[in-house]
C-alpha atoms as a PDB file:
ATOM      1  CA  MET A   1      58.183 142.647 135.326  1.00  0.00           C
ATOM      2  CA  ARG A   2      55.077 142.174 137.376  1.00  0.00           C
ATOM      3  CA  GLN A   3      52.989 141.252 134.349  1.00  0.00           C
ATOM      4  CA  ASN A   4      55.548 138.673 133.278  1.00  0.00           C
ATOM      5  CA  THR A   5      55.670 137.127 136.735  1.00  0.00           C
ATOM      6  CA  SER A   6      51.886 136.838 136.851  1.00  0.00           C
ATOM      7  CA  ILE A   7      51.711 134.694 133.718  1.00  0.00           C
ATOM      8  CA  ARG A   8      54.439 132.225 134.593  1.00  0.00           C
ATOM      9  CA  PRO A   9      52.492 130.003 137.034  1.00  0.00           C
ATOM     10  CA  LEU A  10      49.782 129.472 134.424  1.00  0.00           C
ATOM     11  CA  LEU A  11      52.388 128.714 131.780  1.00  0.00           C
ATOM     12  CA  ARG A  12      54.059 126.197 134.078  1.00  0.00           C
ATOM     13  CA  LEU A  13      50.688 124.559 134.637  1.00  0.00           C
ATOM     14  CA  THR A  14      50.072 124.326 130.898  1.00  0.00           C
ATOM     15  CA  LEU A  15      53.542 122.929 130.350  1.00  0.00           C
ATOM     16  CA  PHE A  16      53.216 120.345 133.107  1.00  0.00           C
ATOM     17  CA  LEU A  17      49.985 119.089 131.603  1.00  0.00           C
ATOM     18  CA  ALA A  18      51.525 118.963 128.149  1.00  0.00           C
ATOM     19  CA  LEU A  19      54.440 116.860 129.359  1.00  0.00           C
ATOM     20  CA  ALA A  20      52.039 114.435 131.037  1.00  0.00           C
ATOM     21  CA  GLY A  21      51.089 113.003 127.633  1.00  0.00           C
ATOM     22  CA  PRO A  22      47.799 112.553 125.812  1.00  0.00           C
ATOM     23  CA  ALA A  23      44.703 111.002 127.310  1.00  0.00           C
ATOM     24  CA  VAL A  24      40.992 111.624 127.585  1.00  0.00           C
ATOM     25  CA  ALA A  25      38.749 112.710 130.397  1.00  0.00           C
ATOM     26  CA  SER A  26      36.658 110.096 132.155  1.00  0.00           C
ATOM     27  CA  GLN A  27      34.428 109.996 135.153  1.00  0.00           C
ATOM     28  CA  GLN A  28      33.945 107.844 138.188  1.00  0.00           C
ATOM     29  CA  PRO A  29      30.551 106.184 137.657  1.00  0.00           C
ATOM     30  CA  ALA A  30      27.802 107.796 139.681  1.00  0.00           C
ATOM     31  CA  PRO A  31      25.250 105.630 141.491  1.00  0.00           C
ATOM     32  CA  PRO A  32      22.245 104.916 139.230  1.00  0.00           C
ATOM     33  CA  SER A  33      19.924 106.972 141.415  1.00  0.00           C
ATOM     34  CA  ALA A  34      22.369 109.794 142.097  1.00  0.00           C
ATOM     35  CA  ALA A  35      20.910 113.284 141.921  1.00  0.00           C
ATOM     36  CA  ALA A  36      22.699 116.063 140.090  1.00  0.00           C
ATOM     37  CA  PRO A  37      25.511 117.356 142.333  1.00  0.00           C
ATOM     38  CA  GLN A  38      24.780 120.594 144.176  1.00  0.00           C
ATOM     39  CA  ARG A  39      28.209 121.274 145.733  1.00  0.00           C
ATOM     40  CA  ILE A  40      30.898 121.034 143.070  1.00  0.00           C
ATOM     41  CA  ILE A  41      34.607 121.745 143.493  1.00  0.00           C
ATOM     42  CA  SER A  42      36.766 122.072 140.372  1.00  0.00           C
ATOM     43  CA  LEU A  43      40.554 121.873 140.388  1.00  0.00           C
ATOM     44  CA  VAL A  44      40.681 122.129 136.588  1.00  0.00           C
ATOM     45  CA  PRO A  45      40.336 125.617 135.018  1.00  0.00           C
ATOM     46  CA  ALA A  46      39.058 124.184 131.706  1.00  0.00           C
ATOM     47  CA  VAL A  47      36.281 122.286 133.466  1.00  0.00           C
ATOM     48  CA  THR A  48      35.449 125.260 135.672  1.00  0.00           C
ATOM     49  CA  GLU A  49      34.744 127.219 132.495  1.00  0.00           C
ATOM     50  CA  MET A  50      32.596 124.341 131.251  1.00  0.00           C
ATOM     51  CA  LEU A  51      30.548 124.255 134.449  1.00  0.00           C
ATOM     52  CA  PHE A  52      29.724 127.945 134.222  1.00  0.00           C
ATOM     53  CA  ALA A  53      29.059 127.765 130.487  1.00  0.00           C
ATOM     54  CA  ILE A  54      26.424 125.035 130.919  1.00  0.00           C
ATOM     55  CA  GLY A  55      24.669 126.659 133.852  1.00  0.00           C
ATOM     56  CA  ALA A  56      26.259 124.809 136.764  1.00  0.00           C
ATOM     57  CA  GLY A  57      28.257 127.764 138.017  1.00  0.00           C
ATOM     58  CA  ASP A  58      25.802 128.448 140.831  1.00  0.00           C
ATOM     59  CA  ARG A  59      26.527 124.942 142.136  1.00  0.00           C
ATOM     60  CA  THR A  60      30.308 125.408 142.069  1.00  0.00           C
ATOM     61  CA  ILE A  61      31.524 126.137 145.592  1.00  0.00           C
ATOM     62  CA  ALA A  62      35.325 126.298 145.128  1.00  0.00           C
ATOM     63  CA  VAL A  63      37.926 126.402 142.368  1.00  0.00           C
ATOM     64  CA  SER A  64      41.658 126.003 141.854  1.00  0.00           C
ATOM     65  CA  SER A  65      44.413 128.534 142.440  1.00  0.00           C
ATOM     66  CA  PHE A  66      44.836 128.929 138.684  1.00  0.00           C
ATOM     67  CA  ASP A  67      41.238 129.734 137.738  1.00  0.00           C
ATOM     68  CA  ARG A  68      40.745 133.142 136.107  1.00  0.00           C
ATOM     69  CA  PHE A  69      37.465 132.826 134.185  1.00  0.00           C
ATOM     70  CA  PRO A  70      34.609 133.568 134.279  1.00  0.00           C
ATOM     71  CA  PRO A  71      34.727 136.663 136.528  1.00  0.00           C
ATOM     72  CA  GLU A  72      32.204 135.095 138.920  1.00  0.00           C
ATOM     73  CA  ILE A  73      34.854 132.724 140.251  1.00  0.00           C
ATOM     74  CA  GLY A  74      36.531 135.684 141.914  1.00  0.00           C
ATOM     75  CA  LYS A  75      34.096 135.272 144.818  1.00  0.00           C
ATOM     76  CA  LEU A  76      34.833 131.568 145.320  1.00  0.00           C
ATOM     77  CA  PRO A  77      37.322 129.969 147.724  1.00  0.00           C
ATOM     78  CA  ARG A  78      40.595 128.605 146.289  1.00  0.00           C
ATOM     79  CA  VAL A  79      41.543 125.066 147.253  1.00  0.00           C
ATOM     80  CA  GLY A  80      44.932 124.500 145.635  1.00  0.00           C
ATOM     81  CA  ALA A  81      45.625 123.067 142.214  1.00  0.00           C
ATOM     82  CA  LEU A  82      47.266 120.225 140.345  1.00  0.00           C
ATOM     83  CA  LEU A  83      50.331 119.857 142.557  1.00  0.00           C
ATOM     84  CA  ASP A  84      49.056 121.262 145.851  1.00  0.00           C
ATOM     85  CA  PRO A  85      45.376 120.449 146.456  1.00  0.00           C
ATOM     86  CA  ASP A  86      44.201 121.489 149.918  1.00  0.00           C
ATOM     87  CA  VAL A  87      42.753 118.095 150.786  1.00  0.00           C
ATOM     88  CA  GLU A  88      41.687 119.053 154.299  1.00  0.00           C
ATOM     89  CA  ARG A  89      39.760 122.082 153.095  1.00  0.00           C
ATOM     90  CA  ILE A  90      38.192 120.188 150.194  1.00  0.00           C
ATOM     91  CA  LEU A  91      36.880 117.503 152.534  1.00  0.00           C
ATOM     92  CA  ALA A  92      35.682 120.084 155.063  1.00  0.00           C
ATOM     93  CA  MET A  93      33.534 121.791 152.394  1.00  0.00           C
ATOM     94  CA  ARG A  94      31.548 118.555 151.975  1.00  0.00           C
ATOM     95  CA  PRO A  95      31.302 118.576 148.166  1.00  0.00           C
ATOM     96  CA  ASP A  96      29.185 116.034 146.327  1.00  0.00           C
ATOM     97  CA  LEU A  97      31.448 116.144 143.253  1.00  0.00           C
ATOM     98  CA  VAL A  98      35.119 117.086 142.828  1.00  0.00           C
ATOM     99  CA  ILE A  99      36.772 117.613 139.437  1.00  0.00           C
ATOM    100  CA  VAL A 100      40.342 116.279 139.662  1.00  0.00           C
ATOM    101  CA  TYR A 101      43.261 115.498 137.377  1.00  0.00           C
ATOM    102  CA  ARG A 102      43.892 111.820 136.746  1.00  0.00           C
ATOM    103  CA  THR A 103      47.417 112.213 138.123  1.00  0.00           C
ATOM    104  CA  GLN A 104      46.149 113.396 141.534  1.00  0.00           C
ATOM    105  CA  ASN A 105      46.266 109.899 142.964  1.00  0.00           C
ATOM    106  CA  ASP A 106      46.582 110.838 146.631  1.00  0.00           C
ATOM    107  CA  LEU A 107      43.584 113.149 146.417  1.00  0.00           C
ATOM    108  CA  GLN A 108      41.550 110.426 144.744  1.00  0.00           C
ATOM    109  CA  VAL A 109      42.376 108.031 147.594  1.00  0.00           C
ATOM    110  CA  GLN A 110      41.207 110.599 150.153  1.00  0.00           C
ATOM    111  CA  LEU A 111      37.990 111.267 148.245  1.00  0.00           C
ATOM    112  CA  LYS A 112      37.241 107.556 147.997  1.00  0.00           C
ATOM    113  CA  ARG A 113      37.746 107.151 151.735  1.00  0.00           C
ATOM    114  CA  ALA A 114      35.350 110.030 152.355  1.00  0.00           C
ATOM    115  CA  GLN A 115      32.915 108.554 149.797  1.00  0.00           C
ATOM    116  CA  ILE A 116      32.946 111.744 147.759  1.00  0.00           C
ATOM    117  CA  PRO A 117      32.345 111.250 143.994  1.00  0.00           C
ATOM    118  CA  PHE A 118      34.884 112.700 141.593  1.00  0.00           C
ATOM    119  CA  PHE A 119      35.326 113.295 137.872  1.00  0.00           C
ATOM    120  CA  LEU A 120      38.715 112.459 136.361  1.00  0.00           C
ATOM    121  CA  TYR A 121      40.236 114.803 133.826  1.00  0.00           C
ATOM    122  CA  GLU A 122      43.404 114.606 131.770  1.00  0.00           C
ATOM    123  CA  HIS A 123      44.878 116.729 128.985  1.00  0.00           C
ATOM    124  CA  ALA A 124      44.133 115.448 125.496  1.00  0.00           C
ATOM    125  CA  GLY A 125      43.434 116.560 121.926  1.00  0.00           C
ATOM    126  CA  LEU A 126      41.100 119.207 120.548  1.00  0.00           C
ATOM    127  CA  ALA A 127      38.310 116.689 119.842  1.00  0.00           C
ATOM    128  CA  ASP A 128      38.428 115.651 123.501  1.00  0.00           C
ATOM    129  CA  VAL A 129      37.511 119.164 124.638  1.00  0.00           C
ATOM    130  CA  THR A 130      33.953 118.781 123.404  1.00  0.00           C
ATOM    131  CA  SER A 131      33.697 115.132 124.447  1.00  0.00           C
ATOM    132  CA  THR A 132      34.729 116.192 127.949  1.00  0.00           C
ATOM    133  CA  LEU A 133      32.168 118.992 127.838  1.00  0.00           C
ATOM    134  CA  ARG A 134      29.444 116.454 127.042  1.00  0.00           C
ATOM    135  CA  GLN A 135      30.628 114.137 129.845  1.00  0.00           C
ATOM    136  CA  VAL A 136      30.651 116.990 132.357  1.00  0.00           C
ATOM    137  CA  GLY A 137      27.143 117.957 131.281  1.00  0.00           C
ATOM    138  CA  GLU A 138      25.871 114.428 131.790  1.00  0.00           C
ATOM    139  CA  ARG A 139      27.530 114.169 135.185  1.00  0.00           C
ATOM    140  CA  VAL A 140      26.072 117.419 136.547  1.00  0.00           C
ATOM    141  CA  GLY A 141      22.600 117.080 135.076  1.00  0.00           C
ATOM    142  CA  ALA A 142      23.019 119.549 132.209  1.00  0.00           C
ATOM    143  CA  ALA A 143      23.434 117.104 129.320  1.00  0.00           C
ATOM    144  CA  GLN A 144      21.294 118.938 126.769  1.00  0.00           C
ATOM    145  CA  ARG A 145      22.863 122.316 127.345  1.00  0.00           C
ATOM    146  CA  ALA A 146      26.337 120.782 127.215  1.00  0.00           C
ATOM    147  CA  ALA A 147      25.553 118.910 124.001  1.00  0.00           C
ATOM    148  CA  GLU A 148      24.278 122.082 122.344  1.00  0.00           C
ATOM    149  CA  LEU A 149      27.340 124.041 123.391  1.00  0.00           C
ATOM    150  CA  ALA A 150      29.685 121.265 122.272  1.00  0.00           C
ATOM    151  CA  ALA A 151      28.018 121.135 118.859  1.00  0.00           C
ATOM    152  CA  ALA A 152      28.338 124.909 118.493  1.00  0.00           C
ATOM    153  CA  VAL A 153      32.045 124.768 119.392  1.00  0.00           C
ATOM    154  CA  GLU A 154      32.647 121.976 116.887  1.00  0.00           C
ATOM    155  CA  GLN A 155      30.812 123.893 114.170  1.00  0.00           C
ATOM    156  CA  ARG A 156      32.902 127.025 114.708  1.00  0.00           C
ATOM    157  CA  ILE A 157      36.137 125.032 114.550  1.00  0.00           C
ATOM    158  CA  ASP A 158      34.973 123.216 111.434  1.00  0.00           C
ATOM    159  CA  THR A 159      34.192 126.573 109.816  1.00  0.00           C
ATOM    160  CA  VAL A 160      37.801 127.672 110.392  1.00  0.00           C
ATOM    161  CA  ARG A 161      39.106 124.378 109.005  1.00  0.00           C
ATOM    162  CA  LYS A 162      37.084 124.818 105.824  1.00  0.00           C
ATOM    163  CA  ARG A 163      38.165 128.439 105.436  1.00  0.00           C
ATOM    164  CA  THR A 164      41.863 127.563 105.723  1.00  0.00           C
ATOM    165  CA  ARG A 165      41.770 124.239 103.879  1.00  0.00           C
ATOM    166  CA  ASP A 166      43.111 125.581 100.574  1.00  0.00           C
ATOM    167  CA  VAL A 167      45.339 128.379 101.835  1.00  0.00           C
ATOM    168  CA  THR A 168      49.111 128.149 102.085  1.00  0.00           C
ATOM    169  CA  LYS A 169      49.934 126.638 105.459  1.00  0.00           C
ATOM    170  CA  PRO A 170      52.958 128.383 106.980  1.00  0.00           C
ATOM    171  CA  ARG A 171      55.535 126.305 108.855  1.00  0.00           C
ATOM    172  CA  THR A 172      54.687 127.328 112.389  1.00  0.00           C
ATOM    173  CA  LEU A 173      56.596 127.158 115.650  1.00  0.00           C
ATOM    174  CA  VAL A 174      54.275 127.279 118.667  1.00  0.00           C
ATOM    175  CA  VAL A 175      56.110 128.295 121.836  1.00  0.00           C
ATOM    176  CA  ILE A 176      54.289 127.384 125.046  1.00  0.00           C
ATOM    177  CA  GLY A 177      56.901 128.523 127.548  1.00  0.00           C
ATOM    178  CA  ARG A 178      60.368 130.059 127.931  1.00  0.00           C
ATOM    179  CA  ASP A 179      62.420 132.106 130.375  1.00  0.00           C
ATOM    180  CA  PRO A 180      61.502 135.807 130.516  1.00  0.00           C
ATOM    181  CA  PHE A 181      63.439 137.998 128.067  1.00  0.00           C
ATOM    182  CA  ALA A 182      65.621 135.108 126.900  1.00  0.00           C
ATOM    183  CA  LEU A 183      65.510 132.207 124.470  1.00  0.00           C
ATOM    184  CA  ARG A 184      66.297 129.728 127.241  1.00  0.00           C
ATOM    185  CA  GLY A 185      64.126 127.094 128.885  1.00  0.00           C
ATOM    186  CA  MET A 186      61.988 127.017 125.773  1.00  0.00           C
ATOM    187  CA  PHE A 187      59.263 124.470 125.129  1.00  0.00           C
ATOM    188  CA  ALA A 188      57.230 124.182 121.952  1.00  0.00           C
ATOM    189  CA  SER A 189      54.134 122.244 120.962  1.00  0.00           C
ATOM    190  CA  GLY A 190      54.870 118.777 119.621  1.00  0.00           C
ATOM    191  CA  GLY A 191      52.731 116.845 117.172  1.00  0.00           C
ATOM    192  CA  ILE A 192      49.983 115.725 119.528  1.00  0.00           C
ATOM    193  CA  GLY A 193      47.685 117.490 121.962  1.00  0.00           C
ATOM    194  CA  PHE A 194      45.069 120.202 121.750  1.00  0.00           C
ATOM    195  CA  ILE A 195      47.502 123.039 121.008  1.00  0.00           C
ATOM    196  CA  HIS A 196      48.906 121.172 118.007  1.00  0.00           C
ATOM    197  CA  ASP A 197      45.344 120.422 116.906  1.00  0.00           C
ATOM    198  CA  MET A 198      44.373 124.098 117.244  1.00  0.00           C
ATOM    199  CA  ILE A 199      47.260 125.220 115.038  1.00  0.00           C
ATOM    200  CA  THR A 200      46.372 122.581 112.458  1.00  0.00           C
ATOM    201  CA  ALA A 201      42.698 123.598 112.474  1.00  0.00           C
ATOM    202  CA  ALA A 202      43.763 127.235 112.109  1.00  0.00           C
ATOM    203  CA  GLY A 203      45.671 126.420 108.937  1.00  0.00           C
ATOM    204  CA  GLY A 204      49.223 126.135 110.253  1.00  0.00           C
ATOM    205  CA  ASP A 205      51.860 123.447 109.683  1.00  0.00           C
ATOM    206  CA  ASN A 206      53.487 122.689 113.045  1.00  0.00           C
ATOM    207  CA  VAL A 207      57.267 122.416 112.576  1.00  0.00           C
ATOM    208  CA  PHE A 208      57.300 119.717 115.269  1.00  0.00           C
ATOM    209  CA  ALA A 209      54.349 117.760 113.880  1.00  0.00           C
ATOM    210  CA  ASP A 210      56.608 114.727 113.507  1.00  0.00           C
ATOM    211  CA  VAL A 211      57.394 114.600 117.242  1.00  0.00           C
ATOM    212  CA  GLU A 212      54.799 112.451 119.011  1.00  0.00           C
ATOM    213  CA  ARG A 213      54.791 114.428 122.237  1.00  0.00           C
ATOM    214  CA  GLN A 214      52.743 117.333 123.483  1.00  0.00           C
ATOM    215  CA  ALA A 215      55.839 119.381 124.325  1.00  0.00           C
ATOM    216  CA  VAL A 216      59.327 119.590 122.841  1.00  0.00           C
ATOM    217  CA  GLN A 217      62.321 121.184 124.527  1.00  0.00           C
ATOM    218  CA  ALA A 218      63.509 123.559 121.819  1.00  0.00           C
ATOM    219  CA  THR A 219      67.083 124.838 121.601  1.00  0.00           C
ATOM    220  CA  SER A 220      68.125 127.665 119.304  1.00  0.00           C
ATOM    221  CA  GLU A 221      70.002 125.201 117.108  1.00  0.00           C
ATOM    222  CA  LEU A 222      66.912 123.024 116.751  1.00  0.00           C
ATOM    223  CA  LEU A 223      64.752 126.009 115.862  1.00  0.00           C
ATOM    224  CA  ILE A 224      67.199 127.119 113.190  1.00  0.00           C
ATOM    225  CA  SER A 225      67.133 123.643 111.651  1.00  0.00           C
ATOM    226  CA  ARG A 226      63.314 123.591 111.567  1.00  0.00           C
ATOM    227  CA  LYS A 227      63.094 126.955 109.736  1.00  0.00           C
ATOM    228  CA  PRO A 228      59.674 128.168 110.940  1.00  0.00           C
ATOM    229  CA  GLU A 229      57.989 130.757 108.745  1.00  0.00           C
ATOM    230  CA  VAL A 230      55.798 131.936 111.616  1.00  0.00           C
ATOM    231  CA  ILE A 231      56.468 131.884 115.345  1.00  0.00           C
ATOM    232  CA  VAL A 232      53.523 132.082 117.733  1.00  0.00           C
ATOM    233  CA  GLU A 233      54.121 132.341 121.467  1.00  0.00           C
ATOM    234  CA  LEU A 234      51.094 131.465 123.562  1.00  0.00           C
ATOM    235  CA  ARG A 235      50.613 133.054 126.976  1.00  0.00           C
ATOM    236  CA  ALA A 236      47.768 132.798 129.428  1.00  0.00           C
ATOM    237  CA  ASP A 237      47.481 136.515 130.215  1.00  0.00           C
ATOM    238  CA  THR A 238      47.666 139.714 128.217  1.00  0.00           C
ATOM    239  CA  VAL A 239      51.106 141.231 127.704  1.00  0.00           C
ATOM    240  CA  ASP A 240      51.635 144.973 128.161  1.00  0.00           C
ATOM    241  CA  ALA A 241      53.178 146.986 125.336  1.00  0.00           C
ATOM    242  CA  SER A 242      56.550 147.486 127.026  1.00  0.00           C
ATOM    243  CA  THR A 243      56.971 143.781 127.808  1.00  0.00           C
ATOM    244  CA  LEU A 244      55.821 142.854 124.316  1.00  0.00           C
ATOM    245  CA  THR A 245      58.455 145.070 122.712  1.00  0.00           C
ATOM    246  CA  ARG A 246      61.231 143.642 124.877  1.00  0.00           C
ATOM    247  CA  GLU A 247      60.149 140.038 124.333  1.00  0.00           C
ATOM    248  CA  LEU A 248      59.945 140.437 120.558  1.00  0.00           C
ATOM    249  CA  LYS A 249      63.404 141.988 120.484  1.00  0.00           C
ATOM    250  CA  VAL A 250      64.819 138.826 122.085  1.00  0.00           C
ATOM    251  CA  TRP A 251      64.126 136.913 118.869  1.00  0.00           C
ATOM    252  CA  GLY A 252      66.475 139.214 116.940  1.00  0.00           C
ATOM    253  CA  THR A 253      69.420 136.984 117.853  1.00  0.00           C
ATOM    254  CA  LEU A 254      67.993 134.287 115.538  1.00  0.00           C
ATOM    255  CA  ALA A 255      67.728 136.403 112.403  1.00  0.00           C
ATOM    256  CA  SER A 256      68.535 133.403 110.177  1.00  0.00           C
ATOM    257  CA  ILE A 257      65.084 131.962 110.963  1.00  0.00           C
ATOM    258  CA  PRO A 258      62.581 132.995 108.252  1.00  0.00           C
ATOM    259  CA  ALA A 259      59.903 133.999 110.800  1.00  0.00           C
ATOM    260  CA  VAL A 260      62.331 136.356 112.547  1.00  0.00           C
ATOM    261  CA  ARG A 261      63.809 137.721 109.335  1.00  0.00           C
ATOM    262  CA  ASN A 262      60.337 138.458 107.946  1.00  0.00           C
ATOM    263  CA  ARG A 263      58.995 139.824 111.242  1.00  0.00           C
ATOM    264  CA  ARG A 264      56.391 137.128 111.632  1.00  0.00           C
ATOM    265  CA  VAL A 265      56.886 136.534 115.358  1.00  0.00           C
ATOM    266  CA  HIS A 266      53.682 136.922 117.367  1.00  0.00           C
ATOM    267  CA  ILE A 267      53.150 136.852 121.123  1.00  0.00           C
ATOM    268  CA  VAL A 268      49.523 135.985 121.801  1.00  0.00           C
ATOM    269  CA  GLY A 269      48.464 136.665 125.377  1.00  0.00           C
ATOM    270  CA  ASP A 270      45.024 135.120 125.525  1.00  0.00           C
ATOM    271  CA  PRO A 271      43.767 132.271 127.783  1.00  0.00           C
ATOM    272  CA  ARG A 272      41.485 131.014 125.021  1.00  0.00           C
ATOM    273  CA  THR A 273      44.577 129.626 123.277  1.00  0.00           C
ATOM    274  CA  VAL A 274      45.977 127.687 126.248  1.00  0.00           C
ATOM    275  CA  ILE A 275      42.936 126.528 128.243  1.00  0.00           C
ATOM    276  CA  PRO A 276      41.013 123.673 126.572  1.00  0.00           C
ATOM    277  CA  GLY A 277      37.586 124.836 127.653  1.00  0.00           C
ATOM    278  CA  PRO A 278      34.394 126.016 125.926  1.00  0.00           C
ATOM    279  CA  ARG A 279      36.158 129.081 124.480  1.00  0.00           C
ATOM    280  CA  VAL A 280      38.600 126.946 122.494  1.00  0.00           C
ATOM    281  CA  ALA A 281      36.856 127.678 119.174  1.00  0.00           C
ATOM    282  CA  GLU A 282      37.522 131.375 119.761  1.00  0.00           C
ATOM    283  CA  GLY A 283      41.156 130.441 120.311  1.00  0.00           C
ATOM    284  CA  VAL A 284      41.265 128.647 116.957  1.00  0.00           C
ATOM    285  CA  GLU A 285      39.735 131.675 115.246  1.00  0.00           C
ATOM    286  CA  LEU A 286      42.309 133.945 116.880  1.00  0.00           C
ATOM    287  CA  LEU A 287      45.185 131.724 115.780  1.00  0.00           C
ATOM    288  CA  ALA A 288      43.848 131.583 112.220  1.00  0.00           C
ATOM    289  CA  ALA A 289      43.795 135.381 112.137  1.00  0.00           C
ATOM    290  CA  VAL A 290      47.406 135.508 113.376  1.00  0.00           C
ATOM    291  CA  LEU A 291      48.676 132.881 110.938  1.00  0.00           C
ATOM    292  CA  HIS A 292      46.991 134.304 107.872  1.00  0.00           C
ATOM    293  CA  GLN A 293      47.115 138.041 108.422  1.00  0.00           C
ATOM    294  CA  SER A 294      48.510 140.163 105.633  1.00  0.00           C
ATOM    295  CA  ARG A 295      52.282 140.083 105.563  1.00  0.00           C
END
């Protein structure tokens, strides 16, 4: 049970972002003569990964409660997250750049009053992951390194797209959250957003591609009507063998679904599939392997 409990906050975070709707990252303009920031706070796990990947990790002084990667962040202070930023502590640390979600309006007001620059981030599509990476690089003075990394990520994703272009694309249900050991409280990826884009790039046909939302509340009746051939559950942390066995058994109650009947239900516990950061290409590769493995 402990393992399952540990993944739920991260899943709730992913789900909250998905329900917020699509948008792109943007940044508050920096003064023309502004130097590269030396004291950065990130409340966004995806951007934290970007900062470390482009060499700005040594300038990152605090991260969110949900950050798990890279391992170096284990030594950094935690200053809240999307719904509970510790404004007092953030201000007291005297950052010269704070990475915030666009929906954190109160925090933005406080930062403006304190004249602290911030970078606005919001969940979007797969293409926006690399555009955000480039923007972050420009903002922190690591534009070239960020551009090179972004290009490499795009190339890896494009390689997967080409490899799966002519293969049979299974009708795929992507579950992004549900109650433990039950098919209740279930949400699936809709037809927009980076998770939908990842499945498409990996050679899958999202059963909810026609729903123009990032998340769909999915009942058992709805799932039966959509007839997925593959079910992929995405989780932020690894799942131990005992939990995996119990969670897979839950799907047995929907044996009329082709994916269940043919034993093509997969629980993927890997943050690369749910965090839209610089490791997203690895997530696409992983999903492609799951979708197209030998039956």
